[in-house]
Protein backbone atom coordinates (compact mmCIF):
# COMPACT_ATOMS: atom_id res chain seq x y z
CA MET A 1 170.56 111.86 78.20
CA LYS A 2 170.28 114.65 75.65
CA PHE A 3 170.33 113.94 71.96
CA SER A 4 170.95 115.94 68.82
CA LEU A 5 168.57 114.48 66.28
CA ARG A 6 168.53 114.75 62.54
CA ILE A 7 167.04 113.79 59.16
CA VAL A 8 167.55 113.83 55.37
CA PRO A 9 165.20 113.58 52.37
CA VAL A 10 165.07 110.04 50.99
CA ILE A 11 165.25 111.24 47.36
CA LEU A 12 168.52 113.01 48.16
CA VAL A 13 169.82 109.86 49.85
CA LEU A 14 169.10 107.66 46.86
CA ALA A 15 170.30 110.05 44.19
CA THR A 16 173.52 111.00 45.91
CA ALA A 17 174.30 107.46 47.01
CA CYS A 18 174.04 106.39 43.38
CA ASN A 19 176.43 109.19 42.43
CA ASN A 20 178.84 108.12 45.15
CA ASN A 21 178.99 104.65 43.62
CA ASN A 22 179.83 106.02 40.17
CA PRO A 23 183.03 104.27 38.98
CA ASP A 24 183.75 107.07 36.51
CA LYS A 25 184.17 109.69 39.27
CA ALA A 26 187.77 110.75 39.73
CA ALA A 27 189.28 109.62 43.02
CA GLY A 28 191.02 112.96 43.41
CA THR A 29 187.69 114.80 43.32
CA THR A 30 186.29 112.65 46.10
CA GLY A 31 189.43 113.05 48.16
CA SER A 32 189.42 116.83 47.93
CA ALA A 33 185.69 116.97 48.71
CA ASP A 34 186.15 114.70 51.71
CA GLU A 35 189.05 116.81 52.92
CA ALA A 36 187.04 120.01 52.60
CA PHE A 37 184.06 118.53 54.43
CA GLY A 38 186.33 117.11 57.11
CA LYS A 39 187.80 120.55 57.74
CA LEU A 40 184.39 122.19 57.81
CA SER A 41 182.99 119.59 60.22
CA GLU A 42 185.97 119.91 62.56
CA GLU A 43 185.45 123.67 62.66
CA TYR A 44 181.79 123.15 63.46
CA LEU A 45 182.48 120.60 66.20
CA LYS A 46 185.02 122.89 67.85
CA GLY A 47 182.42 125.66 68.11
CA TYR A 48 179.74 123.16 69.13
CA LEU A 49 181.78 121.86 72.06
CA ASP A 50 183.09 125.30 72.99
CA TRP A 51 179.50 126.40 73.62
CA ARG A 52 178.59 123.14 75.39
CA PRO A 53 181.57 122.48 77.66
CA GLN A 54 179.72 120.24 80.11
CA GLN A 55 178.56 117.99 77.28
CA ALA A 56 182.17 117.97 76.08
CA VAL A 57 183.39 116.84 79.51
CA GLY A 58 180.80 114.07 79.51
CA LEU A 59 182.09 112.94 76.12
CA GLY A 60 185.62 112.79 77.53
CA PHE A 61 187.16 116.07 76.31
CA HIS A 62 188.81 117.28 79.52
CA GLU A 63 190.21 120.47 78.06
CA TYR A 64 186.73 121.77 78.91
CA ASP A 65 186.90 120.86 82.59
CA GLY A 66 185.59 123.61 84.87
CA LYS A 67 183.79 125.51 82.12
CA VAL A 68 180.09 126.38 81.88
CA THR A 69 177.93 127.57 78.99
CA ASP A 70 177.20 131.30 78.87
CA TYR A 71 173.39 131.48 78.75
CA GLY A 72 173.27 135.25 78.36
CA LYS A 73 171.09 136.53 75.53
CA ALA A 74 174.06 137.67 73.46
CA SER A 75 175.60 134.21 73.74
CA LEU A 76 172.32 132.48 72.80
CA ASP A 77 171.92 134.74 69.79
CA ALA A 78 175.51 134.13 68.71
CA GLU A 79 175.13 130.35 68.92
CA LEU A 80 171.92 130.38 66.90
CA LYS A 81 173.63 132.56 64.29
CA ARG A 82 176.57 130.15 64.20
CA LEU A 83 174.23 127.17 63.69
CA LYS A 84 172.48 128.89 60.79
CA ASN A 85 175.80 129.89 59.25
CA TYR A 86 177.05 126.30 59.22
CA GLU A 87 173.72 125.07 57.92
CA GLN A 88 174.15 127.42 54.97
CA GLN A 89 177.72 126.28 54.42
CA LEU A 90 176.66 122.64 54.39
CA ASN A 91 173.95 123.47 51.87
CA THR A 92 176.66 124.56 49.43
CA VAL A 93 178.56 121.25 49.64
CA ASP A 94 178.38 119.20 46.43
CA THR A 95 177.49 115.90 48.06
CA ALA A 96 177.98 114.01 44.80
CA ASP A 97 181.73 114.45 45.30
CA LEU A 98 181.75 112.95 48.81
CA SER A 99 182.69 109.35 49.49
CA PRO A 100 179.84 107.21 50.89
CA LYS A 101 181.35 107.37 54.38
CA MET A 102 181.67 111.14 54.33
CA PHE A 103 178.18 111.50 52.87
CA TYR A 104 176.88 109.44 55.80
CA ASP A 105 178.57 111.85 58.23
CA TYR A 106 177.46 114.86 56.21
CA ARG A 107 173.81 113.95 56.70
CA ILE A 108 174.26 113.23 60.39
CA LEU A 109 175.91 116.60 60.94
CA LYS A 110 173.44 118.54 58.81
CA LEU A 111 170.49 117.04 60.63
CA ALA A 112 172.07 117.64 64.02
CA ILE A 113 172.39 121.31 63.15
CA LYS A 114 168.82 121.44 61.85
CA SER A 115 167.59 119.86 65.08
CA ASP A 116 169.51 122.34 67.24
CA ILE A 117 168.02 125.24 65.30
CA TYR A 118 164.59 123.71 65.88
CA ASN A 119 165.31 123.48 69.60
CA PHE A 120 166.24 127.17 69.72
CA GLU A 121 163.41 128.51 67.59
CA ASN A 122 160.48 126.09 67.75
CA PHE A 123 160.98 124.22 71.00
CA ARG A 124 162.18 127.45 72.68
CA TYR A 125 164.62 125.67 74.96
CA TYR A 126 165.98 128.76 76.63
CA THR A 127 162.95 131.04 76.76
CA HIS A 128 160.13 128.64 77.56
CA ASN A 129 161.50 125.95 79.86
CA PRO A 130 163.00 126.72 83.30
CA MET A 131 164.11 123.09 83.62
CA ASN A 132 166.94 123.74 81.19
CA TYR A 133 168.52 126.10 83.71
CA ALA A 134 167.69 123.98 86.77
CA ASN A 135 169.84 121.14 85.40
CA ALA A 136 172.28 123.27 83.39
CA VAL A 137 175.16 122.85 85.84
CA ASP A 138 176.23 119.33 86.78
CA VAL A 139 179.13 119.17 89.24
CA ASN A 140 178.57 115.44 89.60
CA LEU A 141 180.52 115.20 86.33
CA TYR A 142 183.65 115.83 88.40
CA ILE A 143 182.79 113.49 91.25
CA LYS A 144 181.39 110.30 89.78
CA ARG A 145 184.45 109.38 87.67
CA ASP A 146 188.13 109.42 88.66
CA PHE A 147 189.56 110.96 85.50
CA ALA A 148 191.92 113.22 87.50
CA PRO A 149 193.18 113.58 91.09
CA LEU A 150 190.38 114.56 93.46
CA GLU A 151 191.90 117.96 94.31
CA ASP A 152 192.10 118.85 90.61
CA ARG A 153 188.48 117.86 90.14
CA LEU A 154 187.54 119.89 93.21
CA ARG A 155 189.09 122.95 91.57
CA ASP A 156 186.85 122.29 88.58
CA VAL A 157 183.84 121.97 90.88
CA ILE A 158 184.69 125.34 92.39
CA ALA A 159 185.05 126.92 88.94
CA VAL A 160 181.70 125.51 87.86
CA GLU A 161 179.87 126.47 91.05
CA GLN A 162 181.14 130.04 90.74
CA LYS A 163 179.10 130.28 87.52
CA ILE A 164 175.82 129.04 89.02
CA PRO A 165 174.56 132.52 90.02
CA GLU A 166 175.21 133.70 86.44
CA VAL A 167 173.21 130.78 85.03
CA PHE A 168 170.17 131.67 87.12
CA ALA A 169 170.54 135.36 86.37
CA ALA A 170 170.38 134.45 82.69
CA ALA A 171 167.32 132.29 83.35
CA LYS A 172 165.50 135.21 84.92
CA ALA A 173 166.41 137.45 81.99
CA ASN A 174 165.60 134.94 79.24
CA LEU A 175 162.46 133.13 80.40
CA GLU A 176 159.07 134.33 79.23
CA ASP A 177 156.69 135.96 81.67
CA SER A 178 154.20 133.08 81.72
CA LEU A 179 155.50 129.50 81.60
CA PRO A 180 153.81 126.07 81.57
CA LYS A 181 152.98 124.95 85.09
CA PRO A 182 154.38 121.40 84.68
CA TYR A 183 157.69 122.90 83.54
CA ILE A 184 157.86 125.20 86.56
CA GLU A 185 156.98 122.49 89.07
CA THR A 186 159.48 120.06 87.57
CA ALA A 187 162.17 122.75 87.47
CA ILE A 188 161.57 123.40 91.17
CA SER A 189 161.92 119.69 91.92
CA ILE A 190 165.12 119.43 89.85
CA ALA A 191 166.64 122.50 91.48
CA GLU A 192 165.77 121.33 94.98
CA GLY A 193 167.34 117.97 94.17
CA GLY A 194 170.44 119.79 92.98
CA ALA A 195 170.67 121.74 96.23
CA SER A 196 170.30 118.50 98.19
CA PHE A 197 173.18 117.04 96.20
CA LEU A 198 175.42 120.00 96.99
CA LYS A 199 174.50 119.78 100.68
CA GLY A 200 174.85 116.02 100.95
CA ASP A 201 176.39 113.65 98.39
CA LEU A 202 178.92 116.21 97.19
CA LEU A 203 180.26 116.79 100.70
CA VAL A 204 180.55 113.04 101.25
CA ALA A 205 182.45 112.64 97.97
CA LEU A 206 184.95 115.32 99.04
CA LYS A 207 185.48 114.12 102.60
CA ASN A 208 188.97 112.77 101.86
CA VAL A 209 190.36 116.05 100.54
CA LYS A 210 193.20 117.08 102.84
CA ASN A 211 193.83 120.54 101.40
CA ASP A 212 192.22 122.74 104.06
CA SER A 213 192.67 126.01 102.18
CA LEU A 214 191.06 124.57 99.05
CA MET A 215 188.18 123.15 101.10
CA LYS A 216 187.67 126.54 102.70
CA ILE A 217 187.29 128.14 99.26
CA PHE A 218 184.96 125.33 98.19
CA THR A 219 182.78 125.72 101.28
CA GLU A 220 182.28 129.40 100.60
CA VAL A 221 181.55 128.88 96.90
CA ASN A 222 179.31 125.88 97.57
CA ASN A 223 177.23 127.82 100.08
CA LYS A 224 176.79 130.64 97.57
CA ALA A 225 175.75 128.11 94.92
CA ILE A 226 173.20 126.59 97.28
CA GLY A 227 171.92 130.07 97.99
CA ALA A 228 171.62 130.84 94.28
CA ILE A 229 169.61 127.65 93.76
CA ALA A 230 167.34 128.53 96.68
CA ASP A 231 166.85 131.98 95.20
CA TYR A 232 165.93 130.47 91.81
CA VAL A 233 163.42 128.14 93.46
CA SER A 234 161.94 131.05 95.40
CA TRP A 235 161.71 133.10 92.19
CA LEU A 236 159.93 130.28 90.39
CA LYS A 237 157.47 129.87 93.24
CA LYS A 238 156.77 133.54 93.81
CA GLU A 239 157.12 135.03 90.33
CA LYS A 240 156.31 132.21 87.94
CA LEU A 241 153.83 129.84 89.55
CA PRO A 242 151.16 132.57 90.02
CA LYS A 243 151.42 133.36 86.29
CA ALA A 244 151.67 129.73 85.15
CA ASN A 245 149.75 128.41 82.16
CA ASN A 246 149.06 124.98 80.70
CA ALA A 247 150.37 125.81 77.23
CA TYR A 248 152.91 123.01 77.13
CA ALA A 249 151.66 121.54 73.84
CA ILE A 250 154.02 122.24 70.94
CA GLY A 251 151.23 121.94 68.37
CA THR A 252 150.83 119.79 65.28
CA ASP A 253 153.09 121.84 62.99
CA ASN A 254 156.01 121.74 65.42
CA TYR A 255 155.33 118.08 66.13
CA LYS A 256 155.68 117.32 62.42
CA LYS A 257 158.98 119.21 62.40
CA MET A 258 160.18 117.22 65.39
CA LEU A 259 159.40 113.97 63.56
CA LEU A 260 161.08 115.20 60.39
CA TYR A 261 164.24 116.67 61.90
CA SER A 262 164.66 113.81 64.36
CA GLU A 263 164.06 110.67 62.32
CA ASP A 264 162.98 111.64 58.77
CA ILE A 265 159.45 110.54 59.55
CA ARG A 266 157.10 112.19 57.10
CA ILE A 267 153.78 110.63 57.98
CA THR A 268 151.47 112.67 60.18
CA PRO A 269 151.16 112.46 63.96
CA GLU A 270 147.62 111.17 63.42
CA GLN A 271 148.91 108.29 61.32
CA ILE A 272 151.50 107.42 63.95
CA LEU A 273 148.79 107.57 66.63
CA GLU A 274 146.71 105.14 64.58
CA ILE A 275 149.67 102.74 64.45
CA GLY A 276 150.22 103.21 68.19
CA LEU A 277 146.61 102.57 69.15
CA LYS A 278 146.57 99.41 67.03
CA GLU A 279 149.80 98.20 68.59
CA LEU A 280 148.40 99.03 72.03
CA GLU A 281 145.46 96.68 71.45
CA ASN A 282 147.75 93.98 70.08
CA GLU A 283 150.04 94.30 73.11
CA LYS A 284 147.05 94.04 75.44
CA GLN A 285 146.23 90.70 73.83
CA ARG A 286 149.77 89.47 74.46
CA PHE A 287 149.53 90.77 78.00
CA ASN A 288 146.21 88.97 78.53
CA LYS A 289 147.62 85.72 77.13
CA ALA A 290 150.52 85.79 79.59
CA ALA A 291 148.18 86.63 82.47
CA ALA A 292 145.96 83.66 81.60
CA ILE A 293 148.91 81.30 81.94
CA ILE A 294 149.70 82.66 85.39
CA ASN A 295 146.14 82.56 86.71
CA PRO A 296 143.27 81.90 84.27
CA SER A 297 140.65 82.51 86.96
CA LYS A 298 141.56 86.19 87.45
CA LYS A 299 141.31 89.27 85.30
CA PRO A 300 144.63 90.22 83.66
CA ARG A 301 144.90 93.43 85.66
CA ASP A 302 144.41 91.51 88.91
CA VAL A 303 147.08 89.03 87.82
CA LEU A 304 149.45 91.95 87.29
CA ASN A 305 148.62 93.29 90.75
CA ASP A 306 149.51 89.91 92.23
CA VAL A 307 152.81 89.73 90.32
CA GLN A 308 153.68 93.27 91.37
CA LYS A 309 153.41 92.26 95.01
CA GLU A 310 156.57 90.26 94.40
CA HIS A 311 158.78 93.30 94.82
CA PRO A 312 161.73 94.26 97.01
CA THR A 313 161.52 96.49 100.04
CA ALA A 314 162.61 100.10 99.83
CA GLU A 315 165.89 99.12 101.48
CA ASN A 316 166.54 96.20 99.10
CA LEU A 317 165.65 97.92 95.82
CA ILE A 318 169.25 98.49 94.70
CA PRO A 319 170.64 95.11 95.90
CA GLU A 320 167.85 93.26 94.10
CA ALA A 321 168.56 95.13 90.88
CA LYS A 322 172.21 94.03 91.14
CA LYS A 323 171.37 90.39 91.73
CA ASN A 324 170.78 89.23 88.15
CA LEU A 325 173.15 91.56 86.30
CA GLU A 326 175.75 88.85 85.63
CA LEU A 327 173.12 86.25 84.80
CA ILE A 328 171.61 88.54 82.15
CA ARG A 329 175.02 89.44 80.73
CA GLN A 330 175.97 85.77 80.47
CA PHE A 331 172.69 84.97 78.75
CA VAL A 332 173.57 87.52 76.05
CA ILE A 333 176.93 85.82 75.53
CA ASP A 334 175.65 82.23 75.65
CA LYS A 335 172.79 82.88 73.24
CA LYS A 336 175.06 84.77 70.84
CA ILE A 337 172.84 87.85 71.02
CA CYS A 338 175.74 90.18 70.22
CA THR A 339 179.44 90.66 70.79
CA MET A 340 180.34 91.92 74.27
CA PRO A 341 183.15 94.41 73.53
CA SER A 342 184.41 94.90 77.09
CA GLU A 343 184.85 93.12 80.39
CA VAL A 344 184.23 96.38 82.30
CA ARG A 345 181.04 96.02 84.35
CA VAL A 346 178.38 98.62 84.98
CA GLN A 347 177.86 99.84 88.55
CA VAL A 348 174.38 100.02 90.10
CA LYS A 349 173.66 103.12 92.18
CA GLU A 350 170.83 105.31 93.38
CA THR A 351 169.83 108.06 90.98
CA PRO A 352 171.49 111.32 92.10
CA GLN A 353 169.13 113.67 93.91
CA TYR A 354 169.04 116.28 91.17
CA ALA A 355 167.89 113.71 88.56
CA ARG A 356 165.13 111.97 90.49
CA ALA A 357 162.33 114.29 89.38
CA THR A 358 162.58 113.04 85.80
CA SER A 359 164.01 109.51 86.04
CA THR A 360 162.87 106.09 87.23
CA ALA A 361 165.93 104.22 85.98
CA SER A 362 168.69 105.37 83.65
CA MET A 363 172.13 104.61 82.26
CA ASP A 364 175.09 106.97 82.63
CA VAL A 365 177.84 105.69 80.35
CA THR A 366 181.48 106.59 79.93
CA GLY A 367 181.98 109.10 77.14
CA PRO A 368 183.27 107.70 73.81
CA PHE A 369 186.38 109.89 74.02
CA GLU A 370 187.15 109.20 77.69
CA THR A 371 190.60 107.66 78.15
CA LYS A 372 191.11 107.87 81.91
CA ALA A 373 187.86 106.76 83.55
CA THR A 374 185.73 103.79 82.54
CA GLU A 375 183.01 103.84 85.18
CA SER A 376 179.44 103.60 83.91
CA TYR A 377 176.41 103.77 86.17
CA TYR A 378 173.03 102.10 86.14
CA TYR A 379 170.87 104.44 88.19
CA ILE A 380 167.64 103.43 89.93
CA THR A 381 165.48 105.99 91.69
CA PRO A 382 164.74 104.92 95.27
CA VAL A 383 161.60 105.45 97.29
CA ASP A 384 161.24 109.00 98.59
CA PRO A 385 160.75 108.84 102.38
CA THR A 386 158.36 111.81 102.17
CA TRP A 387 155.87 109.93 99.99
CA THR A 388 152.64 108.52 101.37
CA ALA A 389 152.41 104.79 102.06
CA LYS A 390 150.36 104.30 98.90
CA GLN A 391 152.82 106.26 96.77
CA LYS A 392 155.69 104.17 98.13
CA GLU A 393 153.83 100.95 97.38
CA ASP A 394 152.94 102.13 93.86
CA TRP A 395 156.60 102.93 93.21
CA LEU A 396 157.91 99.61 94.51
CA SER A 397 155.20 97.74 92.60
CA SER A 398 156.66 99.10 89.38
CA PHE A 399 159.95 97.39 90.36
CA ASP A 400 158.68 93.84 90.81
CA TYR A 401 161.45 91.28 90.30
CA TYR A 402 160.49 90.45 86.71
CA THR A 403 160.10 94.07 85.65
CA THR A 404 163.41 94.95 87.30
CA ASP A 405 165.20 92.33 85.19
CA ASN A 406 163.46 93.73 82.12
CA VAL A 407 164.68 97.21 83.05
CA THR A 408 168.20 95.79 83.41
CA VAL A 409 167.93 94.34 79.90
CA HIS A 410 166.90 97.80 78.66
CA GLU A 411 169.54 99.78 80.52
CA CYS A 412 172.47 97.37 80.56
CA TYR A 413 172.61 94.04 78.73
CA PRO A 414 172.18 94.16 75.79
CA GLY A 415 170.54 97.61 75.94
CA HIS A 416 172.08 101.03 76.51
CA TYR A 417 175.30 99.97 78.20
CA THR A 418 176.13 97.33 75.61
CA GLN A 419 175.25 99.70 72.77
CA PHE A 420 177.63 102.33 74.12
CA LEU A 421 180.35 99.74 74.63
CA HIS A 422 180.02 98.97 70.93
CA LEU A 423 180.03 102.65 70.03
CA ASN A 424 183.14 103.35 72.10
CA ALA A 425 184.99 100.37 70.67
CA SER A 426 183.89 100.89 67.06
CA SER A 427 185.59 102.75 64.23
CA ALA A 428 182.67 105.19 64.10
CA SER A 429 183.72 108.75 63.34
CA LYS A 430 183.73 111.67 65.74
CA ILE A 431 180.45 112.91 64.28
CA GLU A 432 178.87 109.47 64.65
CA LYS A 433 179.96 109.23 68.29
CA ILE A 434 178.69 112.67 69.31
CA PHE A 435 175.26 112.88 67.69
CA GLY A 436 172.59 110.29 68.41
CA SER A 437 169.04 109.62 67.29
CA TYR A 438 166.44 109.37 70.07
CA ALA A 439 164.58 106.61 68.19
CA TYR A 440 167.76 104.65 67.61
CA ILE A 441 169.10 104.85 71.17
CA GLU A 442 165.83 104.24 73.03
CA GLY A 443 164.37 102.09 70.27
CA TRP A 444 167.33 99.72 70.53
CA ALA A 445 167.00 99.36 74.29
CA HIS A 446 163.25 98.86 74.07
CA TYR A 447 163.62 96.39 71.20
CA CYS A 448 166.02 94.38 73.38
CA GLU A 449 163.31 93.72 75.96
CA LYS A 450 161.10 91.79 73.54
CA MET A 451 164.02 90.22 71.70
CA MET A 452 165.50 88.78 74.89
CA ILE A 453 162.19 87.20 75.94
CA ASP A 454 161.75 85.83 72.42
CA GLN A 455 165.22 84.30 72.72
CA GLY A 456 164.18 82.49 75.89
CA PHE A 457 165.28 84.76 78.73
CA GLY A 458 163.31 83.91 81.89
CA ASN A 459 162.15 80.59 80.45
CA GLU A 460 163.90 77.77 82.27
CA GLY A 461 161.10 75.21 82.11
CA ASP A 462 158.79 76.84 84.65
CA SER A 463 155.86 78.02 82.53
CA ILE A 464 154.43 80.24 85.28
CA LYS A 465 157.72 82.03 85.88
CA ALA A 466 158.27 82.42 82.13
CA ALA A 467 154.79 83.94 81.81
CA LYS A 468 155.61 86.41 84.58
CA TYR A 469 158.65 87.57 82.62
CA ARG A 470 156.53 87.87 79.48
CA LEU A 471 153.92 89.80 81.45
CA ALA A 472 156.57 92.20 82.74
CA GLN A 473 158.00 92.72 79.25
CA SER A 474 154.54 93.25 77.83
CA GLY A 475 153.73 95.67 80.63
CA ASP A 476 156.77 97.76 79.77
CA ALA A 477 155.74 97.67 76.11
CA LEU A 478 152.33 98.99 77.16
CA LEU A 479 154.12 101.82 78.98
CA ARG A 480 156.01 102.87 75.84
CA LEU A 481 152.89 102.56 73.69
CA CYS A 482 151.05 104.79 76.16
CA ARG A 483 153.90 107.29 75.85
CA LEU A 484 153.42 107.35 72.09
CA CYS A 485 149.68 107.89 72.36
CA VAL A 486 149.83 110.44 75.17
CA SER A 487 152.61 112.40 73.46
CA ILE A 488 150.56 112.90 70.32
CA LYS A 489 147.29 113.43 72.16
CA MET A 490 148.86 115.99 74.50
CA HIS A 491 150.76 117.98 71.93
CA CYS A 492 148.41 117.73 68.95
CA GLN A 493 144.95 117.01 70.34
CA GLY A 494 144.62 118.93 73.60
CA MET A 495 144.90 116.10 76.14
CA THR A 496 145.41 117.45 79.68
CA LEU A 497 147.91 116.22 82.25
CA ALA A 498 145.08 114.68 84.28
CA GLU A 499 143.71 112.93 81.19
CA GLY A 500 147.19 111.70 80.34
CA THR A 501 147.56 110.27 83.85
CA LYS A 502 144.27 108.43 83.47
CA PHE A 503 145.30 107.09 80.06
CA PHE A 504 148.39 105.54 81.62
CA MET A 505 146.43 104.11 84.53
CA ASP A 506 143.80 102.61 82.20
CA ASN A 507 146.20 101.16 79.64
CA TRP A 508 149.45 100.57 81.52
CA TYR A 509 147.64 99.21 84.60
CA GLN A 510 149.90 100.99 87.09
CA GLY A 511 149.12 103.19 90.08
CA GLU A 512 148.49 106.91 90.11
CA LYS A 513 152.00 108.01 91.21
CA PRO A 514 154.02 106.37 88.40
CA SER A 515 151.26 107.15 85.89
CA TYR A 516 151.32 110.84 86.83
CA GLN A 517 155.13 110.90 86.52
CA GLU A 518 154.89 109.41 83.03
CA ALA A 519 152.21 111.86 81.91
CA LEU A 520 154.18 114.73 83.42
CA ARG A 521 157.24 113.73 81.40
CA GLY A 522 155.10 113.86 78.29
CA THR A 523 154.46 117.58 78.78
CA PHE A 524 158.16 118.44 78.30
CA ASP A 525 159.45 115.39 76.38
CA PRO A 526 157.13 114.86 73.39
CA GLY A 527 159.91 112.80 71.83
CA TYR A 528 159.30 109.92 74.22
CA LEU A 529 157.12 108.39 71.51
CA PHE A 530 160.41 107.38 69.89
CA TYR A 531 160.84 104.41 72.25
CA THR A 532 158.11 102.55 70.40
CA VAL A 533 158.78 104.14 67.01
CA GLY A 534 162.44 103.05 67.14
CA LYS A 535 161.54 99.55 68.28
CA LEU A 536 159.11 99.12 65.37
CA GLN A 537 161.70 100.45 62.92
CA ILE A 538 164.34 98.00 64.17
CA LEU A 539 161.93 95.07 63.98
CA LYS A 540 161.14 96.02 60.38
CA LEU A 541 164.82 96.38 59.54
CA ARG A 542 165.59 92.99 61.10
CA ASP A 543 162.82 91.39 59.09
CA ASP A 544 164.10 92.92 55.83
CA TYR A 545 167.71 92.02 56.66
CA SER A 546 166.68 88.43 57.46
CA LYS A 547 164.93 88.12 54.09
CA GLN A 548 168.02 89.47 52.36
CA GLU A 549 170.44 87.12 54.13
CA GLY A 550 168.23 84.02 54.00
CA THR A 551 169.94 81.00 55.53
CA ASN A 552 173.01 83.15 56.25
CA PHE A 553 171.06 85.38 58.65
CA SER A 554 172.76 85.76 62.03
CA LEU A 555 171.08 87.61 64.87
CA LYS A 556 174.48 88.37 66.36
CA SER A 557 175.77 89.81 63.10
CA PHE A 558 172.64 91.93 62.69
CA HIS A 559 172.92 93.35 66.21
CA ASP A 560 176.67 93.99 65.92
CA GLN A 561 176.21 95.90 62.67
CA LEU A 562 173.35 97.85 64.18
CA MET A 563 175.57 98.98 67.06
CA ASP A 564 178.85 99.55 65.19
CA ASN A 565 177.75 102.33 62.84
CA GLY A 566 177.07 105.24 65.15
CA MET A 567 173.63 106.22 66.41
CA PRO A 568 171.86 107.63 63.33
CA PRO A 569 168.18 107.67 62.43
CA ILE A 570 167.32 104.08 61.60
CA ARG A 571 166.59 105.04 58.00
CA LEU A 572 170.32 105.60 57.50
CA LEU A 573 171.10 102.20 59.02
CA ARG A 574 168.82 100.62 56.43
CA GLU A 575 171.31 101.83 53.82
CA VAL A 576 174.19 100.23 55.72
CA LEU A 577 172.55 96.83 56.21
CA LEU A 578 170.36 96.47 53.12
CA LYS A 579 171.84 96.03 49.65
CA ASP A 580 168.71 96.75 47.63
CA GLN A 581 168.14 100.52 47.47
CA ASN A 582 164.43 99.89 46.97
CA THR A 583 164.25 98.63 50.56
CA TRP A 584 166.02 101.62 52.11
CA ASP A 585 162.83 103.57 52.72
CA GLN A 586 159.97 102.60 55.02
CA THR A 587 156.73 104.25 56.05
CA LEU A 588 157.61 104.66 59.73
């Protein structure tokens, strides 16, 4: 999932919000300001989606079917210029004349633009990271959901695949001479997975097409696309790996900008690391307490090893993940955790080949503007048959039965899937449904893990079994805390990939294979600290909201409001839920 993240100064929030509540302001002024901003934002969104057609298709805008972004240098330069132009236009808007609702959207849009400019200039998306080209073309968009007849979608697949050679030609022209080794190796893995998809799953998905002439055209185009991918992989191996560097760290200054533009976090990375390390020790104590209930005669890590032996086989991984889906969903309903906006169920499937290099488990939801297809997928990455026996065991151990249910809570009920059901069903604006905060989206799902255990999930009177669920939840919390610490240490303090792997092994208590994968992700996804950051922000917001509401506090009402107002930085949600402006701000 890719997010456009954003932020706004708190002083501006408070001052303008006060102005927006001014009873003396003429209604006509607000209306004309809202109308002008609405027109400007629609113009921006049109250009935004025009340049990102595959994202548009994923959102449900099928007028973009079959189109691919032009990654040529002239196109990249034009898009950056467009972003800066709209940033300047937004800077001229007199926000005091906007209604509160429009001012909310104004900040979301402005911060999304600021974040995209950061990605172009500071994060160097298109000149520094070959992964962005390896996964730039996703024909699975046209296969996984039945939004049109299969032959029509096949025509779109053909149109998209015809552009693949151009994408990789642009990659070769745009990418710097020396690139970070983890980026290159991961790009190779992603590209090879993409080729496997075109050779395998795609052909299976199209087996029922009866139009022989169309299939003949597809076969020719598909083979050329596979060849272009193979050529890109060969180029990365021969031209880029020998020149590879380990300069994947974005540095403290850029890290601060990421925090600011993403979530309006103004404290330093070092201060966040201090919070993370403290929370890590606190979580270890909770982990140890659960382990002592399970077996007080063993060390906590050994208890975890025993619990992790209770895992499915490679063949049963997906069926076991499916087993408790309905039970977990019903628990959410029975305990009045939140409203369940739809009866449509999520489908559990293996992670597509092209996505396995960067995903353990993930949620692929229906776009908020999709009207024809409602399928959403809970992906789990299976065991790779080429792994060693130890690597296979390490992978399966991370999917013990209790952890798998915790992952389902995170991905499905009441995590990502439920949150997107709320988003799709809500009255949130177009801007609110397109742009999402990393800390909000992942923080919500991670928050749900602890919240569900606190509400009694997994506790049916068997204290040992309940402790195993608590141990699994705590173990996943340790994972996200390690992500926070490794992200900052890698990008601001010089931690190496090997040292990051060891940090995960020492503090997450998992094997080398999953620990390496987590550390590797940290090299190209410094924002994965936002899982924990978002969780902590939501817990603080819930505490403040509970104090405000007193005896009227309802967990269900809190969660529904949290999910029905878009996906903004949690600071903006504090304004929505909290009445006292003095409580809108928070340190983290």
